[in-house]
Amino acid sequence: MPSATTTLRAGLPDRYLTPDDIADLFGVPLETVYQWRKKRTGPPGFRVGKHLRYDPAAVKAWTAERMSADLAA
């Protein structure tokens, strides 16, 4: 099974991403993903019951926004 990183580079995956997928994708600890959510600085996520999920399109848009902000700085 391909990782979240290879899937996003190849195109959008056909499922919502988990916090573990986000941590793997950006190479950060899982706790960082939860801190991003708490501080509202990371990709937008949503809850399905008690489970946190991320829309791949929203993650890709957030990444593009961060990259363009970095280039403008």
C-alpha atoms as a PDB file:
ATOM      1  CA  MET A   1       0.000   0.000   0.000  1.00  0.00           C
ATOM      2  CA  PRO A   2       1.484   3.407  -0.923  1.00  0.00           C
ATOM      3  CA  SER A   3       2.183   5.919   1.824  1.00  0.00           C
ATOM      4  CA  ALA A   4       0.342   9.231   2.117  1.00  0.00           C
ATOM      5  CA  THR A   5       3.403  10.993   0.707  1.00  0.00           C
ATOM      6  CA  THR A   6       3.633   8.969  -2.491  1.00  0.00           C
ATOM      7  CA  THR A   7      -0.127   9.048  -2.926  1.00  0.00           C
ATOM      8  CA  LEU A   8      -0.366  12.848  -2.685  1.00  0.00           C
ATOM      9  CA  ARG A   9       2.584  13.337  -5.024  1.00  0.00           C
ATOM     10  CA  ALA A  10       0.955  11.030  -7.562  1.00  0.00           C
ATOM     11  CA  GLY A  11      -2.504  12.592  -7.126  1.00  0.00           C
ATOM     12  CA  LEU A  12      -5.245  12.857  -4.552  1.00  0.00           C
ATOM     13  CA  PRO A  13      -5.926   9.684  -2.558  1.00  0.00           C
ATOM     14  CA  ASP A  14      -9.410   8.249  -2.657  1.00  0.00           C
ATOM     15  CA  ARG A  15      -9.875   8.471   1.117  1.00  0.00           C
ATOM     16  CA  TYR A  16      -9.682  11.011   3.902  1.00  0.00           C
ATOM     17  CA  LEU A  17      -6.329  11.269   5.662  1.00  0.00           C
ATOM     18  CA  THR A  18      -5.705  10.468   9.318  1.00  0.00           C
ATOM     19  CA  PRO A  19      -3.446  12.431  11.684  1.00  0.00           C
ATOM     20  CA  ASP A  20      -0.862   9.655  11.228  1.00  0.00           C
ATOM     21  CA  ASP A  21      -0.987  10.221   7.465  1.00  0.00           C
ATOM     22  CA  ILE A  22      -0.417  13.963   7.967  1.00  0.00           C
ATOM     23  CA  ALA A  23       2.519  13.336  10.313  1.00  0.00           C
ATOM     24  CA  ASP A  24       4.028  10.918   7.783  1.00  0.00           C
ATOM     25  CA  LEU A  25       3.382  13.263   4.873  1.00  0.00           C
ATOM     26  CA  PHE A  26       5.201  16.203   6.477  1.00  0.00           C
ATOM     27  CA  GLY A  27       7.760  14.174   8.447  1.00  0.00           C
ATOM     28  CA  VAL A  28       6.715  15.599  11.805  1.00  0.00           C
ATOM     29  CA  PRO A  29       5.763  13.916  15.086  1.00  0.00           C
ATOM     30  CA  LEU A  30       2.085  13.076  15.562  1.00  0.00           C
ATOM     31  CA  GLU A  31       1.945  15.484  18.512  1.00  0.00           C
ATOM     32  CA  THR A  32       2.883  18.322  16.139  1.00  0.00           C
ATOM     33  CA  VAL A  33      -0.191  17.568  14.018  1.00  0.00           C
ATOM     34  CA  TYR A  34      -2.396  17.812  17.106  1.00  0.00           C
ATOM     35  CA  GLN A  35      -0.686  21.078  18.154  1.00  0.00           C
ATOM     36  CA  TRP A  36      -1.284  22.528  14.677  1.00  0.00           C
ATOM     37  CA  ARG A  37      -4.961  21.707  15.074  1.00  0.00           C
ATOM     38  CA  LYS A  38      -5.124  23.185  18.580  1.00  0.00           C
ATOM     39  CA  LYS A  39      -3.405  26.394  17.428  1.00  0.00           C
ATOM     40  CA  ARG A  40      -5.301  26.403  14.079  1.00  0.00           C
ATOM     41  CA  THR A  41      -2.064  26.705  12.124  1.00  0.00           C
ATOM     42  CA  GLY A  42      -2.099  23.397  10.243  1.00  0.00           C
ATOM     43  CA  PRO A  43      -4.247  21.950   7.502  1.00  0.00           C
ATOM     44  CA  PRO A  44      -7.978  22.093   8.266  1.00  0.00           C
ATOM     45  CA  GLY A  45      -9.358  18.899   9.712  1.00  0.00           C
ATOM     46  CA  PHE A  46     -12.785  17.708  10.773  1.00  0.00           C
ATOM     47  CA  ARG A  47     -14.216  15.141  13.141  1.00  0.00           C
ATOM     48  CA  VAL A  48     -16.171  12.057  12.240  1.00  0.00           C
ATOM     49  CA  GLY A  49     -17.433  11.052  15.651  1.00  0.00           C
ATOM     50  CA  LYS A  50     -14.278  10.929  17.742  1.00  0.00           C
ATOM     51  CA  HIS A  51     -11.967  10.478  14.744  1.00  0.00           C
ATOM     52  CA  LEU A  52     -10.021  13.351  13.189  1.00  0.00           C
ATOM     53  CA  ARG A  53      -9.794  13.346   9.390  1.00  0.00           C
ATOM     54  CA  TYR A  54      -8.345  15.598   6.700  1.00  0.00           C
ATOM     55  CA  ASP A  55      -9.641  16.179   3.192  1.00  0.00           C
ATOM     56  CA  PRO A  56      -6.710  15.592   0.783  1.00  0.00           C
ATOM     57  CA  ALA A  57      -7.795  18.561  -1.369  1.00  0.00           C
ATOM     58  CA  ALA A  58      -7.747  20.860   1.684  1.00  0.00           C
ATOM     59  CA  VAL A  59      -4.310  19.555   2.709  1.00  0.00           C
ATOM     60  CA  LYS A  60      -2.985  20.152  -0.798  1.00  0.00           C
ATOM     61  CA  ALA A  61      -4.458  23.697  -0.816  1.00  0.00           C
ATOM     62  CA  TRP A  62      -2.975  24.410   2.642  1.00  0.00           C
ATOM     63  CA  THR A  63       0.432  23.181   1.452  1.00  0.00           C
ATOM     64  CA  ALA A  64       0.280  25.370  -1.667  1.00  0.00           C
ATOM     65  CA  GLU A  65      -0.712  28.368   0.474  1.00  0.00           C
ATOM     66  CA  ARG A  66       2.215  27.769   2.839  1.00  0.00           C
ATOM     67  CA  MET A  67       4.621  27.407  -0.076  1.00  0.00           C
ATOM     68  CA  SER A  68       3.471  30.641  -1.722  1.00  0.00           C
ATOM     69  CA  ALA A  69       3.679  32.499   1.608  1.00  0.00           C
ATOM     70  CA  ASP A  70       7.235  31.208   2.030  1.00  0.00           C
ATOM     71  CA  LEU A  71       8.215  32.354  -1.466  1.00  0.00           C
ATOM     72  CA  ALA A  72       6.729  35.804  -0.856  1.00  0.00           C
ATOM     73  CA  ALA A  73       8.671  36.257   2.399  1.00  0.00           C
END
